[in-house]
Amino acid sequence: MSSRRYDCANQGERASGLIDAASVVRRGELVVMPTDTVYGIGADAFTPSAVTALLEAKGRGREMPVPVLVGTGRAATALVEEFGPYGQDLVDAFWPGPLTLICRANRSLSWDLGDTKGTVALRMPLHAIALDLLKDTGPMAVSSANRSGAAPATTAEEAEAQLGDSVAVYLDGGKCADDVPSTIVDLTSAVPRVLRKGALSVEKLRGVVSYIATSD
């Protein structure tokens, strides 16, 4: 298949691109979209073959499960057993934004994101193009738009150079403002723990949840 790239700085192309991208996701194919951190490669979270295609496009194994991006807080709530005593406060303070929360996944869900051990990594990006697409498609499995081991793409051109025709639609939102990934916080134990430091500082997190463990 040949991929299509849309210049989302042009309002007409943006509208057409979002329609095409949503259609592609529903067919189980892959899209690349800008986020508030780096470009992401995405697929329908509930289509296992699409998630497998995403992992293959990146050259990544199932031992590194794919995070899920959502367009609304309600969508996130439906995907987890619970946010625990601190999760909702973090969501209210920092979503949409560069914070990924690892929670226990809702056990009634039928999906396969890789070897998750019953958890899901959730984020709501602070980017209009990503949010518009996610509100149309529902939750998407999204990873950084690069081959495994290579630098994450900060432009659609960089993503296309690495991923080529394995992706059906590229939504070009210009260069990302930053290349720092999201901060990851694990909420699956009694004490929240930072698993990866990123764009959201530990100091800001502790302004909302006074005790958050780190690896330091």
N, C-alpha and C. Protein backbone atom coordinates (compact mmCIF):
# COMPACT_ATOMS: atom_id res chain seq x y z
N MET A 1 0.85 -1.18 0.00
CA MET A 1 0.00 0.00 0.00
C MET A 1 0.89 1.24 0.00
N SER A 2 0.38 2.32 -0.59
CA SER A 2 1.13 3.57 -0.57
C SER A 2 0.52 4.49 0.48
N SER A 3 1.39 5.18 1.21
CA SER A 3 0.91 6.04 2.29
C SER A 3 0.50 7.41 1.75
N ARG A 4 -0.26 8.13 2.56
CA ARG A 4 -0.73 9.47 2.22
C ARG A 4 -0.34 10.41 3.36
N ARG A 5 0.14 11.60 2.99
CA ARG A 5 0.51 12.58 4.02
C ARG A 5 -0.33 13.84 3.83
N TYR A 6 -0.86 14.35 4.95
CA TYR A 6 -1.71 15.54 4.93
C TYR A 6 -1.03 16.67 5.71
N ASP A 7 -0.99 17.84 5.10
CA ASP A 7 -0.44 19.03 5.75
C ASP A 7 -1.54 19.66 6.60
N CYS A 8 -1.49 19.43 7.91
CA CYS A 8 -2.57 19.88 8.79
C CYS A 8 -2.51 21.37 9.10
N ALA A 9 -1.49 22.07 8.59
CA ALA A 9 -1.50 23.53 8.69
C ALA A 9 -2.54 24.12 7.75
N ASN A 10 -2.90 23.35 6.72
CA ASN A 10 -3.97 23.73 5.79
C ASN A 10 -5.28 23.15 6.31
N GLN A 11 -6.24 24.02 6.60
CA GLN A 11 -7.47 23.56 7.24
C GLN A 11 -8.23 22.53 6.42
N GLY A 12 -8.23 22.70 5.10
CA GLY A 12 -8.90 21.74 4.24
C GLY A 12 -8.22 20.38 4.29
N GLU A 13 -6.88 20.39 4.22
CA GLU A 13 -6.13 19.13 4.29
C GLU A 13 -6.27 18.49 5.67
N ARG A 14 -6.30 19.34 6.70
CA ARG A 14 -6.46 18.80 8.05
C ARG A 14 -7.77 18.04 8.18
N ALA A 15 -8.85 18.65 7.71
CA ALA A 15 -10.16 18.00 7.80
C ALA A 15 -10.17 16.69 7.01
N SER A 16 -9.63 16.73 5.79
CA SER A 16 -9.59 15.53 4.97
C SER A 16 -8.71 14.46 5.62
N GLY A 17 -7.57 14.91 6.17
CA GLY A 17 -6.65 13.97 6.80
C GLY A 17 -7.25 13.29 8.01
N LEU A 18 -7.98 14.04 8.83
CA LEU A 18 -8.60 13.44 10.01
C LEU A 18 -9.67 12.42 9.62
N ILE A 19 -10.44 12.73 8.57
CA ILE A 19 -11.45 11.78 8.10
C ILE A 19 -10.79 10.51 7.58
N ASP A 20 -9.74 10.68 6.77
CA ASP A 20 -9.03 9.54 6.21
C ASP A 20 -8.37 8.72 7.32
N ALA A 21 -7.73 9.41 8.27
CA ALA A 21 -7.05 8.71 9.35
C ALA A 21 -8.02 7.90 10.20
N ALA A 22 -9.17 8.47 10.51
CA ALA A 22 -10.16 7.74 11.31
C ALA A 22 -10.64 6.50 10.56
N SER A 23 -10.84 6.64 9.25
CA SER A 23 -11.28 5.51 8.43
C SER A 23 -10.21 4.42 8.42
N VAL A 24 -8.96 4.83 8.29
CA VAL A 24 -7.85 3.89 8.28
C VAL A 24 -7.76 3.12 9.60
N VAL A 25 -7.91 3.84 10.72
CA VAL A 25 -7.85 3.19 12.03
C VAL A 25 -8.96 2.15 12.16
N ARG A 26 -10.14 2.48 11.70
CA ARG A 26 -11.27 1.54 11.80
C ARG A 26 -11.04 0.31 10.93
N ARG A 27 -10.25 0.44 9.89
CA ARG A 27 -9.94 -0.71 9.02
C ARG A 27 -8.78 -1.54 9.57
N GLY A 28 -8.22 -1.12 10.69
CA GLY A 28 -7.13 -1.88 11.27
C GLY A 28 -5.76 -1.54 10.71
N GLU A 29 -5.66 -0.38 10.05
CA GLU A 29 -4.37 0.06 9.52
C GLU A 29 -3.74 1.09 10.45
N LEU A 30 -2.54 1.56 10.09
CA LEU A 30 -1.74 2.42 10.97
C LEU A 30 -1.74 3.88 10.51
N VAL A 31 -1.65 4.77 11.49
CA VAL A 31 -1.53 6.19 11.20
C VAL A 31 -0.37 6.76 12.03
N VAL A 32 0.17 7.87 11.57
CA VAL A 32 1.14 8.65 12.34
C VAL A 32 0.54 10.01 12.60
N MET A 33 0.64 10.47 13.86
CA MET A 33 0.06 11.75 14.23
C MET A 33 0.99 12.50 15.17
N PRO A 34 0.88 13.83 15.18
CA PRO A 34 1.67 14.60 16.14
C PRO A 34 1.05 14.52 17.52
N THR A 35 1.88 14.63 18.54
CA THR A 35 1.38 14.78 19.92
C THR A 35 2.13 15.93 20.56
N ASP A 36 1.88 16.14 21.83
CA ASP A 36 2.55 17.22 22.55
C ASP A 36 3.97 16.85 22.96
N THR A 37 4.37 15.59 22.71
CA THR A 37 5.76 15.20 22.97
C THR A 37 6.44 14.93 21.63
N VAL A 38 6.33 13.72 21.11
CA VAL A 38 6.90 13.39 19.80
C VAL A 38 5.79 12.81 18.92
N TYR A 39 6.09 12.56 17.65
CA TYR A 39 5.11 11.93 16.78
C TYR A 39 4.85 10.50 17.24
N GLY A 40 3.60 10.07 17.06
CA GLY A 40 3.21 8.73 17.46
C GLY A 40 2.70 7.92 16.28
N ILE A 41 2.94 6.60 16.32
CA ILE A 41 2.33 5.67 15.37
C ILE A 41 1.21 4.97 16.10
N GLY A 42 0.01 4.99 15.50
CA GLY A 42 -1.16 4.52 16.23
C GLY A 42 -2.00 3.52 15.46
N ALA A 43 -2.77 2.75 16.24
CA ALA A 43 -3.68 1.74 15.71
C ALA A 43 -4.86 1.62 16.65
N ASP A 44 -5.94 1.04 16.15
CA ASP A 44 -7.10 0.78 17.01
C ASP A 44 -6.68 -0.14 18.15
N ALA A 45 -6.92 0.28 19.38
CA ALA A 45 -6.48 -0.48 20.55
C ALA A 45 -7.18 -1.83 20.67
N PHE A 46 -8.35 -1.97 20.03
CA PHE A 46 -9.15 -3.18 20.18
C PHE A 46 -9.05 -4.12 18.98
N THR A 47 -8.11 -3.85 18.08
CA THR A 47 -7.88 -4.73 16.93
C THR A 47 -6.50 -5.35 17.06
N PRO A 48 -6.42 -6.58 17.58
CA PRO A 48 -5.11 -7.19 17.84
C PRO A 48 -4.19 -7.23 16.63
N SER A 49 -4.74 -7.48 15.43
CA SER A 49 -3.90 -7.53 14.24
C SER A 49 -3.28 -6.17 13.95
N ALA A 50 -4.01 -5.09 14.27
CA ALA A 50 -3.48 -3.74 14.05
C ALA A 50 -2.35 -3.44 15.03
N VAL A 51 -2.51 -3.87 16.28
CA VAL A 51 -1.45 -3.68 17.28
C VAL A 51 -0.22 -4.49 16.89
N THR A 52 -0.43 -5.70 16.39
CA THR A 52 0.69 -6.53 15.92
C THR A 52 1.41 -5.83 14.76
N ALA A 53 0.64 -5.24 13.84
CA ALA A 53 1.25 -4.52 12.72
C ALA A 53 2.06 -3.33 13.21
N LEU A 54 1.56 -2.66 14.25
CA LEU A 54 2.30 -1.53 14.84
C LEU A 54 3.64 -2.00 15.40
N LEU A 55 3.62 -3.09 16.15
CA LEU A 55 4.86 -3.61 16.72
C LEU A 55 5.83 -4.03 15.61
N GLU A 56 5.30 -4.63 14.56
CA GLU A 56 6.16 -5.05 13.44
C GLU A 56 6.75 -3.85 12.73
N ALA A 57 5.96 -2.79 12.54
CA ALA A 57 6.45 -1.59 11.87
C ALA A 57 7.62 -0.97 12.63
N LYS A 58 7.54 -1.05 13.97
CA LYS A 58 8.60 -0.50 14.80
C LYS A 58 9.77 -1.47 15.00
N GLY A 59 9.56 -2.76 14.69
CA GLY A 59 10.57 -3.75 14.99
C GLY A 59 10.69 -3.99 16.48
N ARG A 60 9.54 -4.05 17.14
CA ARG A 60 9.48 -4.12 18.60
C ARG A 60 8.72 -5.38 19.02
N GLY A 61 9.13 -6.00 20.11
CA GLY A 61 8.51 -7.23 20.56
C GLY A 61 7.35 -7.00 21.52
N ARG A 62 6.62 -8.08 21.79
CA ARG A 62 5.46 -8.02 22.68
C ARG A 62 5.86 -7.74 24.13
N GLU A 63 7.13 -7.94 24.45
CA GLU A 63 7.56 -7.70 25.82
C GLU A 63 7.55 -6.20 26.17
N MET A 64 7.38 -5.35 25.16
CA MET A 64 7.26 -3.90 25.39
C MET A 64 5.87 -3.47 24.92
N PRO A 65 4.83 -3.67 25.74
CA PRO A 65 3.46 -3.40 25.32
C PRO A 65 3.24 -1.94 24.95
N VAL A 66 2.23 -1.73 24.12
CA VAL A 66 1.97 -0.41 23.56
C VAL A 66 1.08 0.40 24.51
N PRO A 67 1.44 1.67 24.79
CA PRO A 67 0.55 2.53 25.57
C PRO A 67 -0.73 2.85 24.81
N VAL A 68 -1.71 3.38 25.51
CA VAL A 68 -2.99 3.75 24.91
C VAL A 68 -3.23 5.23 25.13
N LEU A 69 -3.58 5.93 24.04
CA LEU A 69 -3.96 7.33 24.14
C LEU A 69 -5.48 7.46 24.07
N VAL A 70 -6.02 8.38 24.84
CA VAL A 70 -7.47 8.61 24.88
C VAL A 70 -7.75 10.08 24.62
N GLY A 71 -8.96 10.34 24.14
CA GLY A 71 -9.36 11.72 23.85
C GLY A 71 -10.19 12.35 24.94
N THR A 72 -10.67 11.54 25.89
CA THR A 72 -11.49 12.06 26.99
C THR A 72 -11.18 11.31 28.27
N GLY A 73 -11.45 11.95 29.40
CA GLY A 73 -11.29 11.29 30.68
C GLY A 73 -12.24 10.12 30.84
N ARG A 74 -13.44 10.25 30.29
CA ARG A 74 -14.42 9.17 30.39
C ARG A 74 -13.92 7.91 29.70
N ALA A 75 -13.26 8.07 28.55
CA ALA A 75 -12.72 6.92 27.84
C ALA A 75 -11.67 6.23 28.69
N ALA A 76 -10.83 7.01 29.37
CA ALA A 76 -9.79 6.43 30.22
C ALA A 76 -10.41 5.65 31.37
N THR A 77 -11.43 6.20 32.00
CA THR A 77 -12.07 5.55 33.15
C THR A 77 -12.63 4.18 32.77
N ALA A 78 -13.13 4.06 31.53
CA ALA A 78 -13.71 2.80 31.08
C ALA A 78 -12.66 1.72 30.86
N LEU A 79 -11.39 2.11 30.76
CA LEU A 79 -10.33 1.15 30.44
C LEU A 79 -9.64 0.58 31.66
N VAL A 80 -9.91 1.14 32.85
CA VAL A 80 -9.16 0.73 34.05
C VAL A 80 -10.11 0.17 35.11
N GLU A 81 -9.55 -0.66 35.99
CA GLU A 81 -10.33 -1.13 37.14
C GLU A 81 -10.61 0.06 38.06
N GLU A 82 -9.58 0.85 38.31
CA GLU A 82 -9.72 2.07 39.09
C GLU A 82 -8.42 2.87 38.97
N PHE A 83 -8.51 4.17 39.27
CA PHE A 83 -7.31 5.00 39.28
C PHE A 83 -6.61 4.98 40.63
N GLY A 84 -7.26 4.37 41.64
CA GLY A 84 -6.66 4.35 42.97
C GLY A 84 -6.82 5.68 43.67
N PRO A 85 -6.22 5.84 44.85
CA PRO A 85 -6.42 7.03 45.66
C PRO A 85 -5.79 8.30 45.08
N TYR A 86 -4.86 8.15 44.13
CA TYR A 86 -4.13 9.32 43.63
C TYR A 86 -4.34 9.60 42.14
N GLY A 87 -4.79 8.60 41.42
CA GLY A 87 -4.87 8.72 39.97
C GLY A 87 -5.75 9.85 39.48
N GLN A 88 -6.95 9.97 40.06
CA GLN A 88 -7.87 11.00 39.57
C GLN A 88 -7.32 12.40 39.82
N ASP A 89 -6.65 12.59 40.95
CA ASP A 89 -6.03 13.89 41.21
C ASP A 89 -4.97 14.22 40.17
N LEU A 90 -4.18 13.23 39.77
CA LEU A 90 -3.16 13.44 38.74
C LEU A 90 -3.80 13.72 37.38
N VAL A 91 -4.86 12.99 37.06
CA VAL A 91 -5.60 13.23 35.81
C VAL A 91 -6.15 14.65 35.78
N ASP A 92 -6.79 15.05 36.88
CA ASP A 92 -7.39 16.38 36.92
C ASP A 92 -6.35 17.49 36.78
N ALA A 93 -5.15 17.25 37.33
CA ALA A 93 -4.11 18.28 37.32
C ALA A 93 -3.33 18.33 36.00
N PHE A 94 -3.11 17.18 35.36
CA PHE A 94 -2.11 17.14 34.29
C PHE A 94 -2.60 16.59 32.95
N TRP A 95 -3.85 16.20 32.86
CA TRP A 95 -4.39 15.77 31.55
C TRP A 95 -5.29 16.85 30.99
N PRO A 96 -5.27 17.09 29.68
CA PRO A 96 -4.31 16.52 28.74
C PRO A 96 -2.91 17.07 28.97
N GLY A 97 -1.90 16.24 28.76
CA GLY A 97 -0.53 16.65 28.98
C GLY A 97 0.42 15.48 28.97
N PRO A 98 1.71 15.72 29.24
CA PRO A 98 2.75 14.70 29.09
C PRO A 98 2.91 13.79 30.30
N LEU A 99 1.80 13.20 30.75
CA LEU A 99 1.82 12.28 31.89
C LEU A 99 1.16 10.97 31.48
N THR A 100 1.92 9.88 31.57
CA THR A 100 1.40 8.54 31.32
C THR A 100 1.19 7.83 32.65
N LEU A 101 0.00 7.27 32.83
CA LEU A 101 -0.34 6.58 34.07
C LEU A 101 -0.52 5.09 33.81
N ILE A 102 0.19 4.27 34.57
CA ILE A 102 0.04 2.82 34.46
C ILE A 102 -0.94 2.35 35.53
N CYS A 103 -2.02 1.71 35.06
CA CYS A 103 -3.10 1.27 35.95
C CYS A 103 -3.44 -0.19 35.66
N ARG A 104 -4.22 -0.78 36.57
CA ARG A 104 -4.76 -2.11 36.31
C ARG A 104 -5.85 -1.98 35.24
N ALA A 105 -5.72 -2.77 34.17
CA ALA A 105 -6.69 -2.70 33.07
C ALA A 105 -8.01 -3.33 33.48
N ASN A 106 -9.08 -2.81 32.93
CA ASN A 106 -10.40 -3.39 33.11
C ASN A 106 -10.39 -4.83 32.58
N ARG A 107 -10.68 -5.78 33.43
CA ARG A 107 -10.55 -7.18 33.06
C ARG A 107 -11.59 -7.64 32.06
N SER A 108 -12.62 -6.85 31.85
CA SER A 108 -13.66 -7.24 30.89
C SER A 108 -13.30 -6.87 29.45
N LEU A 109 -12.21 -6.12 29.26
CA LEU A 109 -11.85 -5.66 27.93
C LEU A 109 -11.25 -6.79 27.09
N SER A 110 -11.61 -6.78 25.81
CA SER A 110 -11.05 -7.75 24.87
C SER A 110 -10.05 -7.03 23.98
N TRP A 111 -8.77 -7.10 24.36
CA TRP A 111 -7.73 -6.47 23.55
C TRP A 111 -6.41 -7.19 23.81
N ASP A 112 -5.41 -6.87 23.00
CA ASP A 112 -4.09 -7.49 23.16
C ASP A 112 -3.05 -6.44 22.78
N LEU A 113 -2.46 -5.83 23.80
CA LEU A 113 -1.48 -4.77 23.60
C LEU A 113 -0.05 -5.26 23.74
N GLY A 114 0.11 -6.57 23.95
CA GLY A 114 1.42 -7.13 24.26
C GLY A 114 1.39 -7.73 25.65
N ASP A 115 2.56 -7.99 26.19
CA ASP A 115 2.66 -8.64 27.50
C ASP A 115 2.50 -7.60 28.62
N THR A 116 1.25 -7.23 28.88
CA THR A 116 0.95 -6.14 29.81
C THR A 116 0.88 -6.57 31.26
N LYS A 117 0.75 -7.88 31.51
CA LYS A 117 0.57 -8.40 32.87
C LYS A 117 -0.64 -7.74 33.55
N GLY A 118 -1.68 -7.50 32.76
CA GLY A 118 -2.93 -6.98 33.30
C GLY A 118 -2.96 -5.49 33.54
N THR A 119 -1.98 -4.77 33.02
CA THR A 119 -1.96 -3.31 33.21
C THR A 119 -2.14 -2.61 31.87
N VAL A 120 -2.34 -1.30 31.93
CA VAL A 120 -2.41 -0.47 30.73
C VAL A 120 -1.76 0.88 31.06
N ALA A 121 -0.99 1.39 30.11
CA ALA A 121 -0.37 2.71 30.23
C ALA A 121 -1.22 3.70 29.45
N LEU A 122 -1.79 4.68 30.14
CA LEU A 122 -2.76 5.61 29.55
C LEU A 122 -2.24 7.04 29.54
N ARG A 123 -2.61 7.77 28.46
CA ARG A 123 -2.28 9.20 28.40
C ARG A 123 -3.29 9.92 27.54
N MET A 124 -3.55 11.19 27.86
CA MET A 124 -4.34 12.07 27.02
C MET A 124 -3.42 13.20 26.56
N PRO A 125 -3.07 13.24 25.27
CA PRO A 125 -2.10 14.23 24.80
C PRO A 125 -2.70 15.63 24.68
N LEU A 126 -1.87 16.63 24.92
CA LEU A 126 -2.29 18.02 24.79
C LEU A 126 -1.95 18.51 23.38
N HIS A 127 -2.68 17.98 22.40
CA HIS A 127 -2.46 18.36 21.01
C HIS A 127 -3.78 18.26 20.27
N ALA A 128 -4.18 19.34 19.60
CA ALA A 128 -5.52 19.41 19.01
C ALA A 128 -5.74 18.35 17.94
N ILE A 129 -4.74 18.09 17.10
CA ILE A 129 -4.92 17.10 16.04
C ILE A 129 -5.10 15.71 16.64
N ALA A 130 -4.25 15.36 17.58
CA ALA A 130 -4.36 14.05 18.23
C ALA A 130 -5.71 13.90 18.94
N LEU A 131 -6.12 14.93 19.67
CA LEU A 131 -7.38 14.84 20.40
C LEU A 131 -8.57 14.73 19.45
N ASP A 132 -8.55 15.47 18.35
CA ASP A 132 -9.65 15.38 17.38
C ASP A 132 -9.75 13.96 16.83
N LEU A 133 -8.61 13.35 16.52
CA LEU A 133 -8.63 11.99 15.98
C LEU A 133 -9.12 11.00 17.05
N LEU A 134 -8.60 11.13 18.26
CA LEU A 134 -8.95 10.19 19.33
C LEU A 134 -10.41 10.29 19.72
N LYS A 135 -10.99 11.48 19.66
CA LYS A 135 -12.41 11.63 19.98
C LYS A 135 -13.28 10.97 18.93
N ASP A 136 -12.74 10.82 17.72
CA ASP A 136 -13.48 10.16 16.64
C ASP A 136 -13.29 8.65 16.70
N THR A 137 -12.06 8.20 16.91
CA THR A 137 -11.77 6.76 16.84
C THR A 137 -11.99 6.02 18.14
N GLY A 138 -11.92 6.74 19.27
CA GLY A 138 -11.85 6.07 20.56
C GLY A 138 -10.41 5.73 20.88
N PRO A 139 -10.17 4.98 21.96
CA PRO A 139 -8.79 4.72 22.40
C PRO A 139 -7.93 4.09 21.30
N MET A 140 -6.69 4.59 21.20
CA MET A 140 -5.75 4.07 20.23
C MET A 140 -4.47 3.60 20.92
N ALA A 141 -3.95 2.47 20.46
CA ALA A 141 -2.61 2.04 20.87
C ALA A 141 -1.62 2.91 20.12
N VAL A 142 -0.77 3.61 20.85
CA VAL A 142 0.15 4.57 20.21
C VAL A 142 1.53 4.47 20.84
N SER A 143 2.54 4.35 19.99
CA SER A 143 3.92 4.35 20.42
C SER A 143 4.67 5.43 19.64
N SER A 144 5.88 5.76 20.05
CA SER A 144 6.64 6.77 19.33
C SER A 144 6.88 6.31 17.89
N ALA A 145 6.81 7.26 16.96
CA ALA A 145 6.86 6.95 15.53
C ALA A 145 8.30 6.81 15.06
N ASN A 146 8.90 5.69 15.38
CA ASN A 146 10.27 5.41 14.98
C ASN A 146 10.52 3.91 15.01
N ARG A 147 11.55 3.48 14.31
CA ARG A 147 11.99 2.10 14.44
C ARG A 147 12.62 1.92 15.80
N SER A 148 12.44 0.76 16.39
CA SER A 148 12.96 0.49 17.72
C SER A 148 14.47 0.72 17.76
N GLY A 149 14.91 1.51 18.72
CA GLY A 149 16.32 1.83 18.86
C GLY A 149 16.74 3.11 18.19
N ALA A 150 15.90 3.65 17.29
CA ALA A 150 16.20 4.91 16.61
C ALA A 150 15.60 6.08 17.39
N ALA A 151 16.01 7.28 17.04
CA ALA A 151 15.50 8.47 17.72
C ALA A 151 14.03 8.68 17.38
N PRO A 152 13.20 9.05 18.37
CA PRO A 152 11.80 9.35 18.09
C PRO A 152 11.67 10.49 17.08
N ALA A 153 10.69 10.38 16.21
CA ALA A 153 10.47 11.40 15.17
C ALA A 153 9.82 12.65 15.77
N THR A 154 10.35 13.81 15.40
CA THR A 154 9.73 15.08 15.82
C THR A 154 9.09 15.80 14.64
N THR A 155 9.15 15.19 13.44
CA THR A 155 8.44 15.70 12.27
C THR A 155 7.81 14.52 11.54
N ALA A 156 6.81 14.81 10.71
CA ALA A 156 6.19 13.76 9.91
C ALA A 156 7.19 13.17 8.92
N GLU A 157 8.09 14.03 8.40
CA GLU A 157 9.10 13.56 7.45
C GLU A 157 10.02 12.53 8.11
N GLU A 158 10.44 12.80 9.34
CA GLU A 158 11.31 11.86 10.05
C GLU A 158 10.59 10.53 10.28
N ALA A 159 9.31 10.61 10.64
CA ALA A 159 8.54 9.39 10.86
C ALA A 159 8.41 8.59 9.57
N GLU A 160 8.13 9.28 8.46
CA GLU A 160 7.95 8.59 7.18
C GLU A 160 9.26 7.96 6.70
N ALA A 161 10.37 8.63 6.98
CA ALA A 161 11.67 8.08 6.57
C ALA A 161 11.96 6.76 7.28
N GLN A 162 11.46 6.62 8.50
CA GLN A 162 11.71 5.40 9.26
C GLN A 162 10.65 4.32 9.02
N LEU A 163 9.40 4.73 8.84
CA LEU A 163 8.29 3.77 8.83
C LEU A 163 7.72 3.51 7.45
N GLY A 164 7.92 4.45 6.52
CA GLY A 164 7.54 4.25 5.13
C GLY A 164 6.10 3.85 4.91
N ASP A 165 5.89 2.89 4.01
CA ASP A 165 4.54 2.50 3.63
C ASP A 165 3.88 1.52 4.60
N SER A 166 4.54 1.23 5.72
CA SER A 166 3.86 0.43 6.75
C SER A 166 2.74 1.23 7.40
N VAL A 167 2.78 2.55 7.23
CA VAL A 167 1.76 3.46 7.75
C VAL A 167 0.91 3.97 6.59
N ALA A 168 -0.41 3.94 6.76
CA ALA A 168 -1.32 4.35 5.68
C ALA A 168 -1.44 5.86 5.58
N VAL A 169 -1.54 6.55 6.72
CA VAL A 169 -1.77 8.00 6.73
C VAL A 169 -0.82 8.68 7.70
N TYR A 170 -0.18 9.75 7.23
CA TYR A 170 0.66 10.61 8.06
C TYR A 170 -0.04 11.96 8.21
N LEU A 171 -0.33 12.34 9.44
CA LEU A 171 -0.89 13.66 9.73
C LEU A 171 0.27 14.58 10.11
N ASP A 172 0.56 15.54 9.25
CA ASP A 172 1.72 16.42 9.43
C ASP A 172 1.29 17.67 10.17
N GLY A 173 1.66 17.75 11.43
CA GLY A 173 1.34 18.92 12.25
C GLY A 173 2.52 19.83 12.48
N GLY A 174 3.57 19.70 11.64
CA GLY A 174 4.77 20.50 11.83
C GLY A 174 5.70 19.88 12.85
N LYS A 175 6.76 20.57 13.14
CA LYS A 175 7.75 20.05 14.08
C LYS A 175 7.21 20.11 15.50
N CYS A 176 7.44 19.04 16.25
CA CYS A 176 7.02 19.02 17.65
C CYS A 176 7.78 20.08 18.44
N ALA A 177 7.10 20.66 19.41
CA ALA A 177 7.72 21.72 20.21
C ALA A 177 8.86 21.20 21.06
N ASP A 178 8.81 19.93 21.40
CA ASP A 178 9.83 19.35 22.26
C ASP A 178 9.99 17.88 21.91
N ASP A 179 11.14 17.30 22.23
CA ASP A 179 11.33 15.88 21.97
C ASP A 179 11.46 15.08 23.26
N VAL A 180 11.06 15.70 24.37
CA VAL A 180 11.12 15.01 25.66
C VAL A 180 9.86 14.14 25.81
N PRO A 181 10.01 12.85 26.12
CA PRO A 181 8.84 11.98 26.24
C PRO A 181 8.04 12.29 27.51
N SER A 182 6.88 11.65 27.60
CA SER A 182 6.03 11.85 28.77
C SER A 182 6.67 11.23 30.01
N THR A 183 6.30 11.75 31.15
CA THR A 183 6.66 11.16 32.44
C THR A 183 5.72 9.98 32.70
N ILE A 184 6.27 8.86 33.16
CA ILE A 184 5.45 7.67 33.42
C ILE A 184 5.37 7.43 34.93
N VAL A 185 4.13 7.31 35.42
CA VAL A 185 3.90 7.04 36.84
C VAL A 185 3.09 5.74 36.97
N ASP A 186 3.59 4.84 37.80
CA ASP A 186 2.93 3.55 38.05
C ASP A 186 1.98 3.70 39.24
N LEU A 187 0.70 3.43 39.00
CA LEU A 187 -0.31 3.54 40.06
C LEU A 187 -0.80 2.17 40.53
N THR A 188 -0.07 1.10 40.19
CA THR A 188 -0.57 -0.24 40.50
C THR A 188 -0.20 -0.73 41.89
N SER A 189 0.56 0.05 42.64
CA SER A 189 0.88 -0.31 44.02
C SER A 189 0.42 0.80 44.96
N ALA A 190 0.60 0.60 46.24
CA ALA A 190 0.07 1.55 47.23
C ALA A 190 0.69 2.94 47.09
N VAL A 191 1.95 3.01 46.70
CA VAL A 191 2.64 4.29 46.56
C VAL A 191 2.93 4.55 45.08
N PRO A 192 2.47 5.67 44.52
CA PRO A 192 2.78 5.99 43.12
C PRO A 192 4.30 6.04 42.91
N ARG A 193 4.76 5.52 41.77
CA ARG A 193 6.20 5.48 41.50
C ARG A 193 6.48 5.99 40.09
N VAL A 194 7.46 6.89 39.98
CA VAL A 194 7.90 7.37 38.68
C VAL A 194 8.78 6.31 38.04
N LEU A 195 8.32 5.78 36.91
CA LEU A 195 9.11 4.78 36.18
C LEU A 195 10.00 5.42 35.13
N ARG A 196 9.60 6.57 34.60
CA ARG A 196 10.42 7.30 33.64
C ARG A 196 10.24 8.79 33.86
N LYS A 197 11.33 9.49 34.08
CA LYS A 197 11.26 10.94 34.17
C LYS A 197 11.15 11.52 32.76
N GLY A 198 10.32 12.53 32.62
CA GLY A 198 10.09 13.10 31.30
C GLY A 198 9.71 14.56 31.37
N ALA A 199 8.79 14.94 30.50
CA ALA A 199 8.45 16.35 30.33
C ALA A 199 7.79 16.96 31.57
N LEU A 200 7.14 16.14 32.38
CA LEU A 200 6.49 16.64 33.60
C LEU A 200 7.40 16.33 34.79
N SER A 201 7.81 17.37 35.50
CA SER A 201 8.80 17.20 36.56
C SER A 201 8.21 16.50 37.79
N VAL A 202 9.08 15.82 38.53
CA VAL A 202 8.68 15.19 39.78
C VAL A 202 8.18 16.24 40.76
N GLU A 203 8.78 17.42 40.75
CA GLU A 203 8.35 18.50 41.65
C GLU A 203 6.90 18.87 41.41
N LYS A 204 6.50 18.96 40.14
CA LYS A 204 5.10 19.28 39.83
C LYS A 204 4.17 18.15 40.27
N LEU A 205 4.59 16.92 40.07
CA LEU A 205 3.79 15.79 40.52
C LEU A 205 3.58 15.84 42.03
N ARG A 206 4.65 16.14 42.76
CA ARG A 206 4.57 16.17 44.22
C ARG A 206 3.77 17.37 44.72
N GLY A 207 3.53 18.34 43.86
CA GLY A 207 2.64 19.43 44.22
C GLY A 207 1.20 18.99 44.31
N VAL A 208 0.90 17.84 43.70
CA VAL A 208 -0.46 17.27 43.72
C VAL A 208 -0.54 16.05 44.63
N VAL A 209 0.45 15.16 44.52
CA VAL A 209 0.53 13.97 45.37
C VAL A 209 1.84 14.08 46.15
N SER A 210 1.73 14.30 47.45
CA SER A 210 2.91 14.67 48.23
C SER A 210 4.02 13.63 48.22
N TYR A 211 3.65 12.34 48.19
CA TYR A 211 4.72 11.33 48.17
C TYR A 211 4.63 10.50 46.90
N ILE A 212 5.63 10.62 46.07
CA ILE A 212 5.77 9.80 44.88
C ILE A 212 7.17 9.23 44.88
N ALA A 213 7.28 7.93 44.81
CA ALA A 213 8.59 7.28 44.84
C ALA A 213 9.29 7.45 43.49
N THR A 214 10.62 7.53 43.53
CA THR A 214 11.43 7.57 42.33
C THR A 214 12.55 6.56 42.47
N SER A 215 13.27 6.33 41.40
CA SER A 215 14.39 5.39 41.44
C SER A 215 15.66 6.02 41.99
N ASP A 216 15.63 7.33 42.25
CA ASP A 216 16.82 8.03 42.78
C ASP A 216 17.08 7.65 44.22
